[in-house]
C-alpha atoms as a PDB file:
ATOM      1  CA  MET A   1     110.381 101.811  55.792  1.00  0.00           C
ATOM      2  CA  ASN A   2     107.854 104.542  55.303  1.00  0.00           C
ATOM      3  CA  ILE A   3     104.510 104.645  57.046  1.00  0.00           C
ATOM      4  CA  SER A   4     101.663 106.840  55.912  1.00  0.00           C
ATOM      5  CA  LEU A   5      99.373 108.196  58.596  1.00  0.00           C
ATOM      6  CA  PRO A   6      96.291 110.362  58.406  1.00  0.00           C
ATOM      7  CA  ASP A   7      96.831 113.850  59.805  1.00  0.00           C
ATOM      8  CA  THR A   8      95.048 113.059  63.055  1.00  0.00           C
ATOM      9  CA  LEU A   9      97.355 110.113  63.808  1.00  0.00           C
ATOM     10  CA  LYS A  10     100.445 112.048  62.738  1.00  0.00           C
ATOM     11  CA  SER A  11      99.459 114.826  65.141  1.00  0.00           C
ATOM     12  CA  PHE A  12      98.975 112.272  67.898  1.00  0.00           C
ATOM     13  CA  VAL A  13     102.423 110.734  67.259  1.00  0.00           C
ATOM     14  CA  ASP A  14     104.067 114.176  67.174  1.00  0.00           C
ATOM     15  CA  GLU A  15     102.367 115.044  70.455  1.00  0.00           C
ATOM     16  CA  GLN A  16     103.573 111.810  72.079  1.00  0.00           C
ATOM     17  CA  VAL A  17     107.124 112.431  70.857  1.00  0.00           C
ATOM     18  CA  ASN A  18     107.124 115.889  72.407  1.00  0.00           C
ATOM     19  CA  GLN A  19     105.373 114.978  75.658  1.00  0.00           C
ATOM     20  CA  ARG A  20     107.261 111.772  76.369  1.00  0.00           C
ATOM     21  CA  GLY A  21     110.726 112.954  75.404  1.00  0.00           C
ATOM     22  CA  TYR A  22     111.359 110.820  72.338  1.00  0.00           C
ATOM     23  CA  GLY A  23     113.931 112.167  69.925  1.00  0.00           C
ATOM     24  CA  THR A  24     111.995 111.162  66.830  1.00  0.00           C
ATOM     25  CA  SER A  25     108.717 109.594  65.802  1.00  0.00           C
ATOM     26  CA  SER A  26     110.730 106.487  64.839  1.00  0.00           C
ATOM     27  CA  GLU A  27     111.819 106.044  68.468  1.00  0.00           C
ATOM     28  CA  TYR A  28     108.181 106.216  69.557  1.00  0.00           C
ATOM     29  CA  VAL A  29     107.078 103.665  66.951  1.00  0.00           C
ATOM     30  CA  ARG A  30     109.978 101.325  67.843  1.00  0.00           C
ATOM     31  CA  GLU A  31     108.923 101.396  71.497  1.00  0.00           C
ATOM     32  CA  LEU A  32     105.324 100.613  70.544  1.00  0.00           C
ATOM     33  CA  ILE A  33     106.536  97.644  68.488  1.00  0.00           C
ATOM     34  CA  ARG A  34     108.754  96.386  71.337  1.00  0.00           C
ATOM     35  CA  LYS A  35     105.838  96.659  73.782  1.00  0.00           C
ATOM     36  CA  ASP A  36     103.630  94.722  71.375  1.00  0.00           C
ATOM     37  CA  GLN A  37     106.307  92.027  71.013  1.00  0.00           C
ATOM     38  CA  ASN A  38     106.537  91.756  74.803  1.00  0.00           C
ATOM     39  CA  ARG A  39     102.758  91.564  75.094  1.00  0.00           C
ATOM     40  CA  MET A  40     102.604  88.794  72.499  1.00  0.00           C
ATOM     41  CA  HIS A  41     105.440  86.902  74.228  1.00  0.00           C
ATOM     42  CA  LEU A  42     103.674  87.171  77.598  1.00  0.00           C
ATOM     43  CA  ARG A  43     100.418  86.026  76.015  1.00  0.00           C
ATOM     44  CA  GLY A  44     102.207  82.980  74.601  1.00  0.00           C
ATOM     45  CA  LEU A  45     103.680  82.157  77.998  1.00  0.00           C
ATOM     46  CA  LEU A  46     100.293  82.496  79.672  1.00  0.00           C
ATOM     47  CA  LEU A  47      98.628  80.277  77.074  1.00  0.00           C
ATOM     48  CA  ALA A  48     101.396  77.674  77.399  1.00  0.00           C
ATOM     49  CA  GLY A  49     101.013  77.752  81.167  1.00  0.00           C
ATOM     50  CA  ALA A  50      97.257  77.393  80.940  1.00  0.00           C
ATOM     51  CA  ALA A  51      97.630  74.424  78.581  1.00  0.00           C
ATOM     52  CA  SER A  52     100.218  72.665  80.739  1.00  0.00           C
ATOM     53  CA  SER A  53      99.313  69.985  83.204  1.00  0.00           C
ATOM     54  CA  PRO A  54      99.052  70.922  86.879  1.00  0.00           C
ATOM     55  CA  THR A  55     102.089  70.479  89.070  1.00  0.00           C
ATOM     56  CA  THR A  56     102.459  71.131  92.781  1.00  0.00           C
ATOM     57  CA  LEU A  57      99.961  73.099  94.802  1.00  0.00           C
ATOM     58  CA  VAL A  58     100.812  76.786  95.089  1.00  0.00           C
ATOM     59  CA  ASP A  59      99.934  77.939  98.575  1.00  0.00           C
ATOM     60  CA  ALA A  60     101.445  80.018 101.392  1.00  0.00           C
ATOM     61  CA  SER A  61     104.151  77.426 102.124  1.00  0.00           C
ATOM     62  CA  TYR A  62     105.183  77.390  98.465  1.00  0.00           C
ATOM     63  CA  PHE A  63     105.720  81.155  98.495  1.00  0.00           C
ATOM     64  CA  GLU A  64     107.536  80.999 101.837  1.00  0.00           C
ATOM     65  CA  GLY A  65     109.888  78.446 100.284  1.00  0.00           C
ATOM     66  CA  LEU A  66     110.533  80.820  97.397  1.00  0.00           C
ATOM     67  CA  ARG A  67     111.262  83.656  99.822  1.00  0.00           C
ATOM     68  CA  ASP A  68     113.705  81.417 101.732  1.00  0.00           C
ATOM     69  CA  ARG A  69     115.525  80.536  98.510  1.00  0.00           C
ATOM     70  CA  VAL A  70     115.796  84.213  97.572  1.00  0.00           C
ATOM     71  CA  ARG A  71     117.099  85.100 101.047  1.00  0.00           C
ATOM     72  CA  ARG A  72     119.720  82.335 100.929  1.00  0.00           C
ATOM     73  CA  SER A  73     120.760  83.346  97.425  1.00  0.00           C
ATOM     74  CA  ALA A  74     121.040  87.019  98.420  1.00  0.00           C
ATOM     75  CA  LYS A  75     123.049  86.109 101.511  1.00  0.00           C
ATOM     76  CA  ALA A  76     125.401  83.891  99.468  1.00  0.00           C
ATOM     77  CA  GLY A  77     125.817  86.672  96.877  1.00  0.00           C
ATOM     78  CA  ALA A  78     126.657  89.222  99.559  1.00  0.00           C
ATOM     79  CA  GLN A  79     129.305  86.945 101.021  1.00  0.00           C
ATOM     80  CA  GLY A  80     130.870  86.039  97.658  1.00  0.00           C
END
């Protein structure tokens, strides 16, 4: 795949490659595409969540329950 860029954008890409430690401009472009894919995936998840029906109330006790589950899981993992 070849991509044509105006000189100003090519200079910008070259600068990013040098400043951020990419080996090639292709590596930089691939990372931009991956970030865009992740952004689109997150957007889809957020929209699906917003469209879903409400479930249980999320309050301080809900988060404390989550913390307890994580603690128990970590403790079980350390013992196993």
